[in-house]
Amino acid sequence: SGRFWLAIIGGKQTAFLVNDIMGIEPCF
């Protein structure tokens, strides 16, 4: 929970991007 965007690379996928449930924190 919270207000965020998150990026993970090299894990289960080459890259994984996601933000909070309401999109409060934008990510381009």
mmCIF file of all heavy atoms, coordinates in Angstrom:
data_MODEL
# 
_entry.id   MODEL 
# 
loop_
_atom_site.group_PDB 
_atom_site.id 
_atom_site.type_symbol 
_atom_site.label_atom_id 
_atom_site.label_alt_id 
_atom_site.label_comp_id 
_atom_site.label_asym_id 
_atom_site.label_entity_id 
_atom_site.label_seq_id 
_atom_site.pdbx_PDB_ins_code 
_atom_site.Cartn_x 
_atom_site.Cartn_y 
_atom_site.Cartn_z 
_atom_site.occupancy 
_atom_site.B_iso_or_equiv 
_atom_site.pdbx_formal_charge 
_atom_site.auth_seq_id 
_atom_site.auth_comp_id 
_atom_site.auth_asym_id 
_atom_site.auth_atom_id 
_atom_site.pdbx_PDB_model_num 
ATOM 1   N N   . SER A 1 1  ? 0.868  -1.184  0.000   1.00 0.00 ? 1  SER A N   1 
ATOM 2   C CA  . SER A 1 1  ? 0.000  0.000   0.000   1.00 0.00 ? 1  SER A CA  1 
ATOM 3   C C   . SER A 1 1  ? 0.896  1.222   0.000   1.00 0.00 ? 1  SER A C   1 
ATOM 4   O O   . SER A 1 1  ? 2.119  1.117   0.085   1.00 0.00 ? 1  SER A O   1 
ATOM 5   C CB  . SER A 1 1  ? -0.943 -0.002  1.214   1.00 0.00 ? 1  SER A CB  1 
ATOM 6   O OG  . SER A 1 1  ? -0.206 -0.021  2.427   1.00 0.00 ? 1  SER A OG  1 
ATOM 7   N N   . GLY A 1 2  ? 0.270  2.375   -0.128  1.00 0.00 ? 2  GLY A N   1 
ATOM 8   C CA  . GLY A 1 2  ? 1.056  3.605   -0.167  1.00 0.00 ? 2  GLY A CA  1 
ATOM 9   C C   . GLY A 1 2  ? 0.916  4.304   -1.500  1.00 0.00 ? 2  GLY A C   1 
ATOM 10  O O   . GLY A 1 2  ? 0.036  4.014   -2.310  1.00 0.00 ? 2  GLY A O   1 
ATOM 11  N N   . ARG A 1 3  ? 1.810  5.232   -1.710  1.00 0.00 ? 3  ARG A N   1 
ATOM 12  C CA  . ARG A 1 3  ? 1.848  6.057   -2.920  1.00 0.00 ? 3  ARG A CA  1 
ATOM 13  C C   . ARG A 1 3  ? 3.224  5.868   -3.544  1.00 0.00 ? 3  ARG A C   1 
ATOM 14  O O   . ARG A 1 3  ? 4.228  6.321   -2.992  1.00 0.00 ? 3  ARG A O   1 
ATOM 15  C CB  . ARG A 1 3  ? 1.604  7.516   -2.541  1.00 0.00 ? 3  ARG A CB  1 
ATOM 16  C CG  . ARG A 1 3  ? 1.879  8.525   -3.622  1.00 0.00 ? 3  ARG A CG  1 
ATOM 17  C CD  . ARG A 1 3  ? 1.653  9.935   -3.091  1.00 0.00 ? 3  ARG A CD  1 
ATOM 18  N NE  . ARG A 1 3  ? 2.019  10.941  -4.069  1.00 0.00 ? 3  ARG A NE  1 
ATOM 19  C CZ  . ARG A 1 3  ? 1.791  12.247  -3.922  1.00 0.00 ? 3  ARG A CZ  1 
ATOM 20  N NH1 . ARG A 1 3  ? 1.217  12.685  -2.816  1.00 0.00 ? 3  ARG A NH1 1 
ATOM 21  N NH2 . ARG A 1 3  ? 2.158  13.102  -4.853  1.00 0.00 ? 3  ARG A NH2 1 
ATOM 22  N N   . PHE A 1 4  ? 3.285  5.200   -4.699  1.00 0.00 ? 4  PHE A N   1 
ATOM 23  C CA  . PHE A 1 4  ? 4.603  4.797   -5.188  1.00 0.00 ? 4  PHE A CA  1 
ATOM 24  C C   . PHE A 1 4  ? 4.571  4.349   -6.640  1.00 0.00 ? 4  PHE A C   1 
ATOM 25  O O   . PHE A 1 4  ? 3.512  4.064   -7.198  1.00 0.00 ? 4  PHE A O   1 
ATOM 26  C CB  . PHE A 1 4  ? 5.118  3.622   -4.354  1.00 0.00 ? 4  PHE A CB  1 
ATOM 27  C CG  . PHE A 1 4  ? 4.268  2.382   -4.457  1.00 0.00 ? 4  PHE A CG  1 
ATOM 28  C CD1 . PHE A 1 4  ? 4.486  1.443   -5.458  1.00 0.00 ? 4  PHE A CD1 1 
ATOM 29  C CD2 . PHE A 1 4  ? 3.217  2.161   -3.578  1.00 0.00 ? 4  PHE A CD2 1 
ATOM 30  C CE1 . PHE A 1 4  ? 3.688  0.307   -5.575  1.00 0.00 ? 4  PHE A CE1 1 
ATOM 31  C CE2 . PHE A 1 4  ? 2.413  1.031   -3.684  1.00 0.00 ? 4  PHE A CE2 1 
ATOM 32  C CZ  . PHE A 1 4  ? 2.652  0.103   -4.686  1.00 0.00 ? 4  PHE A CZ  1 
ATOM 33  N N   . TRP A 1 5  ? 5.745  4.288   -7.236  1.00 0.00 ? 5  TRP A N   1 
ATOM 34  C CA  . TRP A 1 5  ? 5.989  3.404   -8.379  1.00 0.00 ? 5  TRP A CA  1 
ATOM 35  C C   . TRP A 1 5  ? 7.175  2.531   -8.030  1.00 0.00 ? 5  TRP A C   1 
ATOM 36  O O   . TRP A 1 5  ? 8.031  2.916   -7.231  1.00 0.00 ? 5  TRP A O   1 
ATOM 37  C CB  . TRP A 1 5  ? 6.178  4.150   -9.701  1.00 0.00 ? 5  TRP A CB  1 
ATOM 38  C CG  . TRP A 1 5  ? 7.331  5.122   -9.813  1.00 0.00 ? 5  TRP A CG  1 
ATOM 39  C CD1 . TRP A 1 5  ? 7.265  6.466   -9.831  1.00 0.00 ? 5  TRP A CD1 1 
ATOM 40  C CD2 . TRP A 1 5  ? 8.728  4.797   -9.969  1.00 0.00 ? 5  TRP A CD2 1 
ATOM 41  N NE1 . TRP A 1 5  ? 8.509  7.026   -9.977  1.00 0.00 ? 5  TRP A NE1 1 
ATOM 42  C CE2 . TRP A 1 5  ? 9.423  6.016   -10.075 1.00 0.00 ? 5  TRP A CE2 1 
ATOM 43  C CE3 . TRP A 1 5  ? 9.449  3.601   -10.032 1.00 0.00 ? 5  TRP A CE3 1 
ATOM 44  C CZ2 . TRP A 1 5  ? 10.818 6.085   -10.213 1.00 0.00 ? 5  TRP A CZ2 1 
ATOM 45  C CZ3 . TRP A 1 5  ? 10.833 3.660   -10.170 1.00 0.00 ? 5  TRP A CZ3 1 
ATOM 46  C CH2 . TRP A 1 5  ? 11.503 4.884   -10.265 1.00 0.00 ? 5  TRP A CH2 1 
ATOM 47  N N   . LEU A 1 6  ? 7.201  1.362   -8.628  1.00 0.00 ? 6  LEU A N   1 
ATOM 48  C CA  . LEU A 1 6  ? 8.191  0.337   -8.292  1.00 0.00 ? 6  LEU A CA  1 
ATOM 49  C C   . LEU A 1 6  ? 8.735  -0.283  -9.569  1.00 0.00 ? 6  LEU A C   1 
ATOM 50  O O   . LEU A 1 6  ? 7.975  -0.595  -10.486 1.00 0.00 ? 6  LEU A O   1 
ATOM 51  C CB  . LEU A 1 6  ? 7.526  -0.734  -7.415  1.00 0.00 ? 6  LEU A CB  1 
ATOM 52  C CG  . LEU A 1 6  ? 8.272  -2.056  -7.177  1.00 0.00 ? 6  LEU A CG  1 
ATOM 53  C CD1 . LEU A 1 6  ? 9.503  -1.828  -6.317  1.00 0.00 ? 6  LEU A CD1 1 
ATOM 54  C CD2 . LEU A 1 6  ? 7.337  -3.057  -6.504  1.00 0.00 ? 6  LEU A CD2 1 
ATOM 55  N N   . ALA A 1 7  ? 10.048 -0.450  -9.640  1.00 0.00 ? 7  ALA A N   1 
ATOM 56  C CA  . ALA A 1 7  ? 10.687 -1.100  -10.793 1.00 0.00 ? 7  ALA A CA  1 
ATOM 57  C C   . ALA A 1 7  ? 11.637 -2.173  -10.300 1.00 0.00 ? 7  ALA A C   1 
ATOM 58  O O   . ALA A 1 7  ? 12.439 -1.933  -9.395  1.00 0.00 ? 7  ALA A O   1 
ATOM 59  C CB  . ALA A 1 7  ? 11.437 -0.073  -11.630 1.00 0.00 ? 7  ALA A CB  1 
ATOM 60  N N   . ILE A 1 8  ? 11.530 -3.362  -10.882 1.00 0.00 ? 8  ILE A N   1 
ATOM 61  C CA  . ILE A 1 8  ? 12.449 -4.457  -10.570 1.00 0.00 ? 8  ILE A CA  1 
ATOM 62  C C   . ILE A 1 8  ? 12.957 -5.013  -11.887 1.00 0.00 ? 8  ILE A C   1 
ATOM 63  O O   . ILE A 1 8  ? 12.169 -5.299  -12.793 1.00 0.00 ? 8  ILE A O   1 
ATOM 64  C CB  . ILE A 1 8  ? 11.746 -5.571  -9.759  1.00 0.00 ? 8  ILE A CB  1 
ATOM 65  C CG1 . ILE A 1 8  ? 11.244 -5.018  -8.422  1.00 0.00 ? 8  ILE A CG1 1 
ATOM 66  C CG2 . ILE A 1 8  ? 12.701 -6.759  -9.533  1.00 0.00 ? 8  ILE A CG2 1 
ATOM 67  C CD1 . ILE A 1 8  ? 10.425 -5.999  -7.614  1.00 0.00 ? 8  ILE A CD1 1 
ATOM 68  N N   . ILE A 1 9  ? 14.264 -5.145  -12.024 1.00 0.00 ? 9  ILE A N   1 
ATOM 69  C CA  . ILE A 1 9  ? 14.829 -5.720  -13.243 1.00 0.00 ? 9  ILE A CA  1 
ATOM 70  C C   . ILE A 1 9  ? 15.749 -6.889  -12.882 1.00 0.00 ? 9  ILE A C   1 
ATOM 71  O O   . ILE A 1 9  ? 16.403 -6.904  -11.845 1.00 0.00 ? 9  ILE A O   1 
ATOM 72  C CB  . ILE A 1 9  ? 15.608 -4.679  -14.083 1.00 0.00 ? 9  ILE A CB  1 
ATOM 73  C CG1 . ILE A 1 9  ? 16.745 -4.050  -13.273 1.00 0.00 ? 9  ILE A CG1 1 
ATOM 74  C CG2 . ILE A 1 9  ? 14.679 -3.627  -14.613 1.00 0.00 ? 9  ILE A CG2 1 
ATOM 75  C CD1 . ILE A 1 9  ? 17.643 -3.165  -14.126 1.00 0.00 ? 9  ILE A CD1 1 
ATOM 76  N N   . GLY A 1 10 ? 15.734 -7.898  -13.756 1.00 0.00 ? 10 GLY A N   1 
ATOM 77  C CA  . GLY A 1 10 ? 16.591 -9.053  -13.573 1.00 0.00 ? 10 GLY A CA  1 
ATOM 78  C C   . GLY A 1 10 ? 16.047 -10.071 -12.608 1.00 0.00 ? 10 GLY A C   1 
ATOM 79  O O   . GLY A 1 10 ? 16.761 -10.983 -12.191 1.00 0.00 ? 10 GLY A O   1 
ATOM 80  N N   . GLY A 1 11 ? 14.793 -9.971  -12.215 1.00 0.00 ? 11 GLY A N   1 
ATOM 81  C CA  . GLY A 1 11 ? 14.204 -10.942 -11.293 1.00 0.00 ? 11 GLY A CA  1 
ATOM 82  C C   . GLY A 1 11 ? 13.479 -12.026 -12.050 1.00 0.00 ? 11 GLY A C   1 
ATOM 83  O O   . GLY A 1 11 ? 14.031 -12.707 -12.914 1.00 0.00 ? 11 GLY A O   1 
ATOM 84  N N   . LYS A 1 12 ? 12.176 -12.187 -11.765 1.00 0.00 ? 12 LYS A N   1 
ATOM 85  C CA  . LYS A 1 12 ? 11.378 -13.201 -12.442 1.00 0.00 ? 12 LYS A CA  1 
ATOM 86  C C   . LYS A 1 12 ? 11.135 -12.823 -13.897 1.00 0.00 ? 12 LYS A C   1 
ATOM 87  O O   . LYS A 1 12 ? 10.927 -13.674 -14.752 1.00 0.00 ? 12 LYS A O   1 
ATOM 88  C CB  . LYS A 1 12 ? 10.042 -13.374 -11.715 1.00 0.00 ? 12 LYS A CB  1 
ATOM 89  C CG  . LYS A 1 12 ? 10.189 -13.699 -10.229 1.00 0.00 ? 12 LYS A CG  1 
ATOM 90  C CD  . LYS A 1 12 ? 8.844  -13.604 -9.529  1.00 0.00 ? 12 LYS A CD  1 
ATOM 91  C CE  . LYS A 1 12 ? 8.986  -13.759 -8.028  1.00 0.00 ? 12 LYS A CE  1 
ATOM 92  N NZ  . LYS A 1 12 ? 7.700  -13.616 -7.337  1.00 0.00 ? 12 LYS A NZ  1 
ATOM 93  N N   . GLN A 1 13 ? 11.136 -11.530 -14.156 1.00 0.00 ? 13 GLN A N   1 
ATOM 94  C CA  . GLN A 1 13 ? 10.994 -11.016 -15.519 1.00 0.00 ? 13 GLN A CA  1 
ATOM 95  C C   . GLN A 1 13 ? 12.237 -10.170 -15.813 1.00 0.00 ? 13 GLN A C   1 
ATOM 96  O O   . GLN A 1 13 ? 12.968 -9.779  -14.907 1.00 0.00 ? 13 GLN A O   1 
ATOM 97  C CB  . GLN A 1 13 ? 9.740  -10.140 -15.634 1.00 0.00 ? 13 GLN A CB  1 
ATOM 98  C CG  . GLN A 1 13 ? 8.451  -10.844 -15.309 1.00 0.00 ? 13 GLN A CG  1 
ATOM 99  C CD  . GLN A 1 13 ? 7.932  -11.660 -16.471 1.00 0.00 ? 13 GLN A CD  1 
ATOM 100 O OE1 . GLN A 1 13 ? 8.300  -11.439 -17.614 1.00 0.00 ? 13 GLN A OE1 1 
ATOM 101 N NE2 . GLN A 1 13 ? 7.069  -12.624 -16.173 1.00 0.00 ? 13 GLN A NE2 1 
ATOM 102 N N   . THR A 1 14 ? 12.451 -9.871  -17.065 1.00 0.00 ? 14 THR A N   1 
ATOM 103 C CA  . THR A 1 14 ? 13.549 -8.973  -17.383 1.00 0.00 ? 14 THR A CA  1 
ATOM 104 C C   . THR A 1 14 ? 13.310 -7.626  -16.722 1.00 0.00 ? 14 THR A C   1 
ATOM 105 O O   . THR A 1 14 ? 14.210 -7.010  -16.173 1.00 0.00 ? 14 THR A O   1 
ATOM 106 C CB  . THR A 1 14 ? 13.679 -8.808  -18.910 1.00 0.00 ? 14 THR A CB  1 
ATOM 107 O OG1 . THR A 1 14 ? 13.960 -10.090 -19.477 1.00 0.00 ? 14 THR A OG1 1 
ATOM 108 C CG2 . THR A 1 14 ? 14.789 -7.843  -19.266 1.00 0.00 ? 14 THR A CG2 1 
ATOM 109 N N   . ALA A 1 15 ? 12.052 -7.144  -16.741 1.00 0.00 ? 15 ALA A N   1 
ATOM 110 C CA  . ALA A 1 15 ? 11.694 -5.915  -16.033 1.00 0.00 ? 15 ALA A CA  1 
ATOM 111 C C   . ALA A 1 15 ? 10.240 -5.976  -15.606 1.00 0.00 ? 15 ALA A C   1 
ATOM 112 O O   . ALA A 1 15 ? 9.391  -6.546  -16.298 1.00 0.00 ? 15 ALA A O   1 
ATOM 113 C CB  . ALA A 1 15 ? 11.942 -4.703  -16.915 1.00 0.00 ? 15 ALA A CB  1 
ATOM 114 N N   . PHE A 1 16 ? 9.973  -5.379  -14.447 1.00 0.00 ? 16 PHE A N   1 
ATOM 115 C CA  . PHE A 1 16 ? 8.632  -5.348  -13.859 1.00 0.00 ? 16 PHE A CA  1 
ATOM 116 C C   . PHE A 1 16 ? 8.405  -3.947  -13.321 1.00 0.00 ? 16 PHE A C   1 
ATOM 117 O O   . PHE A 1 16 ? 9.180  -3.453  -12.492 1.00 0.00 ? 16 PHE A O   1 
ATOM 118 C CB  . PHE A 1 16 ? 8.562  -6.394  -12.740 1.00 0.00 ? 16 PHE A CB  1 
ATOM 119 C CG  . PHE A 1 16 ? 7.392  -6.264  -11.799 1.00 0.00 ? 16 PHE A CG  1 
ATOM 120 C CD1 . PHE A 1 16 ? 6.103  -6.554  -12.222 1.00 0.00 ? 16 PHE A CD1 1 
ATOM 121 C CD2 . PHE A 1 16 ? 7.581  -5.881  -10.466 1.00 0.00 ? 16 PHE A CD2 1 
ATOM 122 C CE1 . PHE A 1 16 ? 5.025  -6.454  -11.341 1.00 0.00 ? 16 PHE A CE1 1 
ATOM 123 C CE2 . PHE A 1 16 ? 6.510  -5.784  -9.589  1.00 0.00 ? 16 PHE A CE2 1 
ATOM 124 C CZ  . PHE A 1 16 ? 5.225  -6.071  -10.026 1.00 0.00 ? 16 PHE A CZ  1 
ATOM 125 N N   . LEU A 1 17 ? 7.359  -3.273  -13.816 1.00 0.00 ? 17 LEU A N   1 
ATOM 126 C CA  . LEU A 1 17 ? 7.016  -1.928  -13.368 1.00 0.00 ? 17 LEU A CA  1 
ATOM 127 C C   . LEU A 1 17 ? 5.574  -1.912  -12.879 1.00 0.00 ? 17 LEU A C   1 
ATOM 128 O O   . LEU A 1 17 ? 4.701  -2.512  -13.503 1.00 0.00 ? 17 LEU A O   1 
ATOM 129 C CB  . LEU A 1 17 ? 7.128  -0.908  -14.514 1.00 0.00 ? 17 LEU A CB  1 
ATOM 130 C CG  . LEU A 1 17 ? 8.450  -0.715  -15.234 1.00 0.00 ? 17 LEU A CG  1 
ATOM 131 C CD1 . LEU A 1 17 ? 8.265  0.280   -16.377 1.00 0.00 ? 17 LEU A CD1 1 
ATOM 132 C CD2 . LEU A 1 17 ? 9.510  -0.218  -14.286 1.00 0.00 ? 17 LEU A CD2 1 
ATOM 133 N N   . VAL A 1 18 ? 5.317  -1.186  -11.796 1.00 0.00 ? 18 VAL A N   1 
ATOM 134 C CA  . VAL A 1 18 ? 3.936  -1.041  -11.323 1.00 0.00 ? 18 VAL A CA  1 
ATOM 135 C C   . VAL A 1 18 ? 3.865  0.183   -10.417 1.00 0.00 ? 18 VAL A C   1 
ATOM 136 O O   . VAL A 1 18 ? 4.888  0.597   -9.840  1.00 0.00 ? 18 VAL A O   1 
ATOM 137 C CB  . VAL A 1 18 ? 3.472  -2.315  -10.573 1.00 0.00 ? 18 VAL A CB  1 
ATOM 138 C CG1 . VAL A 1 18 ? 4.126  -2.426  -9.198  1.00 0.00 ? 18 VAL A CG1 1 
ATOM 139 C CG2 . VAL A 1 18 ? 1.955  -2.385  -10.474 1.00 0.00 ? 18 VAL A CG2 1 
ATOM 140 N N   . ASN A 1 19 ? 2.679  0.764   -10.294 1.00 0.00 ? 19 ASN A N   1 
ATOM 141 C CA  . ASN A 1 19 ? 2.492  1.858   -9.346  1.00 0.00 ? 19 ASN A CA  1 
ATOM 142 C C   . ASN A 1 19 ? 1.369  1.518   -8.374  1.00 0.00 ? 19 ASN A C   1 
ATOM 143 O O   . ASN A 1 19 ? 0.841  0.407   -8.382  1.00 0.00 ? 19 ASN A O   1 
ATOM 144 C CB  . ASN A 1 19 ? 2.241  3.188   -10.077 1.00 0.00 ? 19 ASN A CB  1 
ATOM 145 C CG  . ASN A 1 19 ? 1.007  3.161   -10.953 1.00 0.00 ? 19 ASN A CG  1 
ATOM 146 O OD1 . ASN A 1 19 ? 0.314  2.139   -11.057 1.00 0.00 ? 19 ASN A OD1 1 
ATOM 147 N ND2 . ASN A 1 19 ? 0.708  4.273   -11.598 1.00 0.00 ? 19 ASN A ND2 1 
ATOM 148 N N   . ASP A 1 20 ? 0.989  2.488   -7.529  1.00 0.00 ? 20 ASP A N   1 
ATOM 149 C CA  . ASP A 1 20 ? -0.019 2.232   -6.506  1.00 0.00 ? 20 ASP A CA  1 
ATOM 150 C C   . ASP A 1 20 ? -1.404 2.038   -7.126  1.00 0.00 ? 20 ASP A C   1 
ATOM 151 O O   . ASP A 1 20 ? -1.623 2.314   -8.307  1.00 0.00 ? 20 ASP A O   1 
ATOM 152 C CB  . ASP A 1 20 ? -0.040 3.365   -5.481  1.00 0.00 ? 20 ASP A CB  1 
ATOM 153 C CG  . ASP A 1 20 ? -0.316 4.721   -6.107  1.00 0.00 ? 20 ASP A CG  1 
ATOM 154 O OD1 . ASP A 1 20 ? -1.488 5.019   -6.363  1.00 0.00 ? 20 ASP A OD1 1 
ATOM 155 O OD2 . ASP A 1 20 ? 0.640  5.473   -6.352  1.00 0.00 ? 20 ASP A OD2 1 
ATOM 156 N N   . ILE A 1 21 ? -2.341 1.592   -6.319  1.00 0.00 ? 21 ILE A N   1 
ATOM 157 C CA  . ILE A 1 21 ? -3.646 1.152   -6.847  1.00 0.00 ? 21 ILE A CA  1 
ATOM 158 C C   . ILE A 1 21 ? -4.448 2.263   -7.509  1.00 0.00 ? 21 ILE A C   1 
ATOM 159 O O   . ILE A 1 21 ? -5.287 2.000   -8.363  1.00 0.00 ? 21 ILE A O   1 
ATOM 160 C CB  . ILE A 1 21 ? -4.506 0.473   -5.760  1.00 0.00 ? 21 ILE A CB  1 
ATOM 161 C CG1 . ILE A 1 21 ? -4.840 1.462   -4.638  1.00 0.00 ? 21 ILE A CG1 1 
ATOM 162 C CG2 . ILE A 1 21 ? -3.813 -0.771  -5.220  1.00 0.00 ? 21 ILE A CG2 1 
ATOM 163 C CD1 . ILE A 1 21 ? -5.897 0.946   -3.676  1.00 0.00 ? 21 ILE A CD1 1 
ATOM 164 N N   . MET A 1 22 ? -4.198 3.522   -7.117  1.00 0.00 ? 22 MET A N   1 
ATOM 165 C CA  . MET A 1 22 ? -4.951 4.631   -7.690  1.00 0.00 ? 22 MET A CA  1 
ATOM 166 C C   . MET A 1 22 ? -4.101 5.483   -8.628  1.00 0.00 ? 22 MET A C   1 
ATOM 167 O O   . MET A 1 22 ? -4.580 6.490   -9.157  1.00 0.00 ? 22 MET A O   1 
ATOM 168 C CB  . MET A 1 22 ? -5.540 5.521   -6.582  1.00 0.00 ? 22 MET A CB  1 
ATOM 169 C CG  . MET A 1 22 ? -6.431 4.772   -5.610  1.00 0.00 ? 22 MET A CG  1 
ATOM 170 S SD  . MET A 1 22 ? -7.808 3.882   -6.384  1.00 0.00 ? 22 MET A SD  1 
ATOM 171 C CE  . MET A 1 22 ? -8.947 5.218   -6.667  1.00 0.00 ? 22 MET A CE  1 
ATOM 172 N N   . GLY A 1 23 ? -2.861 5.088   -8.838  1.00 0.00 ? 23 GLY A N   1 
ATOM 173 C CA  . GLY A 1 23 ? -1.999 5.843   -9.739  1.00 0.00 ? 23 GLY A CA  1 
ATOM 174 C C   . GLY A 1 23 ? -1.659 7.224   -9.213  1.00 0.00 ? 23 GLY A C   1 
ATOM 175 O O   . GLY A 1 23 ? -1.459 8.163   -9.995  1.00 0.00 ? 23 GLY A O   1 
ATOM 176 N N   . ILE A 1 24 ? -1.560 7.373   -7.902  1.00 0.00 ? 24 ILE A N   1 
ATOM 177 C CA  . ILE A 1 24 ? -1.235 8.679   -7.323  1.00 0.00 ? 24 ILE A CA  1 
ATOM 178 C C   . ILE A 1 24 ? 0.171  9.100   -7.725  1.00 0.00 ? 24 ILE A C   1 
ATOM 179 O O   . ILE A 1 24 ? 0.420  10.256  -8.066  1.00 0.00 ? 24 ILE A O   1 
ATOM 180 C CB  . ILE A 1 24 ? -1.367 8.650   -5.788  1.00 0.00 ? 24 ILE A CB  1 
ATOM 181 C CG1 . ILE A 1 24 ? -2.792 8.261   -5.378  1.00 0.00 ? 24 ILE A CG1 1 
ATOM 182 C CG2 . ILE A 1 24 ? -0.993 10.004  -5.187  1.00 0.00 ? 24 ILE A CG2 1 
ATOM 183 C CD1 . ILE A 1 24 ? -2.968 8.053   -3.883  1.00 0.00 ? 24 ILE A CD1 1 
ATOM 184 N N   . GLU A 1 25 ? 1.089  8.145   -7.693  1.00 0.00 ? 25 GLU A N   1 
ATOM 185 C CA  . GLU A 1 25 ? 2.472  8.436   -8.093  1.00 0.00 ? 25 GLU A CA  1 
ATOM 186 C C   . GLU A 1 25 ? 2.638  8.050   -9.558  1.00 0.00 ? 25 GLU A C   1 
ATOM 187 O O   . GLU A 1 25 ? 2.549  6.886   -9.920  1.00 0.00 ? 25 GLU A O   1 
ATOM 188 C CB  . GLU A 1 25 ? 3.465  7.651   -7.227  1.00 0.00 ? 25 GLU A CB  1 
ATOM 189 C CG  . GLU A 1 25 ? 4.885  8.127   -7.347  1.00 0.00 ? 25 GLU A CG  1 
ATOM 190 C CD  . GLU A 1 25 ? 5.099  9.537   -6.813  1.00 0.00 ? 25 GLU A CD  1 
ATOM 191 O OE1 . GLU A 1 25 ? 4.517  9.886   -5.764  1.00 0.00 ? 25 GLU A OE1 1 
ATOM 192 O OE2 . GLU A 1 25 ? 5.846  10.297  -7.461  1.00 0.00 ? 25 GLU A OE2 1 
ATOM 193 N N   . PRO A 1 26 ? 2.880  9.008   -10.435 1.00 0.00 ? 26 PRO A N   1 
ATOM 194 C CA  . PRO A 1 26 ? 2.989  8.705   -11.862 1.00 0.00 ? 26 PRO A CA  1 
ATOM 195 C C   . PRO A 1 26 ? 4.325  8.069   -12.211 1.00 0.00 ? 26 PRO A C   1 
ATOM 196 O O   . PRO A 1 26 ? 5.314  8.246   -11.491 1.00 0.00 ? 26 PRO A O   1 
ATOM 197 C CB  . PRO A 1 26 ? 2.867  10.082  -12.519 1.00 0.00 ? 26 PRO A CB  1 
ATOM 198 C CG  . PRO A 1 26 ? 3.463  11.008  -11.503 1.00 0.00 ? 26 PRO A CG  1 
ATOM 199 C CD  . PRO A 1 26 ? 3.071  10.451  -10.160 1.00 0.00 ? 26 PRO A CD  1 
ATOM 200 N N   . CYS A 1 27 ? 4.354  7.351   -13.302 1.00 0.00 ? 27 CYS A N   1 
ATOM 201 C CA  . CYS A 1 27 ? 5.595  6.754   -13.785 1.00 0.00 ? 27 CYS A CA  1 
ATOM 202 C C   . CYS A 1 27 ? 5.574  6.708   -15.306 1.00 0.00 ? 27 CYS A C   1 
ATOM 203 O O   . CYS A 1 27 ? 4.708  6.065   -15.906 1.00 0.00 ? 27 CYS A O   1 
ATOM 204 C CB  . CYS A 1 27 ? 5.777  5.341   -13.227 1.00 0.00 ? 27 CYS A CB  1 
ATOM 205 S SG  . CYS A 1 27 ? 7.318  4.555   -13.759 1.00 0.00 ? 27 CYS A SG  1 
ATOM 206 N N   . PHE A 1 28 ? 6.521  7.422   -15.919 1.00 0.00 ? 28 PHE A N   1 
ATOM 207 C CA  . PHE A 1 28 ? 6.679  7.440   -17.368 1.00 0.00 ? 28 PHE A CA  1 
ATOM 208 C C   . PHE A 1 28 ? 7.883  6.576   -17.729 1.00 0.00 ? 28 PHE A C   1 
ATOM 209 O O   . PHE A 1 28 ? 8.860  6.528   -16.986 1.00 0.00 ? 28 PHE A O   1 
ATOM 210 C CB  . PHE A 1 28 ? 6.907  8.873   -17.858 1.00 0.00 ? 28 PHE A CB  1 
ATOM 211 C CG  . PHE A 1 28 ? 5.782  9.813   -17.543 1.00 0.00 ? 28 PHE A CG  1 
ATOM 212 C CD1 . PHE A 1 28 ? 5.773  10.536  -16.354 1.00 0.00 ? 28 PHE A CD1 1 
ATOM 213 C CD2 . PHE A 1 28 ? 4.728  9.977   -18.424 1.00 0.00 ? 28 PHE A CD2 1 
ATOM 214 C CE1 . PHE A 1 28 ? 4.736  11.412  -16.053 1.00 0.00 ? 28 PHE A CE1 1 
ATOM 215 C CE2 . PHE A 1 28 ? 3.686  10.851  -18.141 1.00 0.00 ? 28 PHE A CE2 1 
ATOM 216 C CZ  . PHE A 1 28 ? 3.688  11.564  -16.948 1.00 0.00 ? 28 PHE A CZ  1 
# 
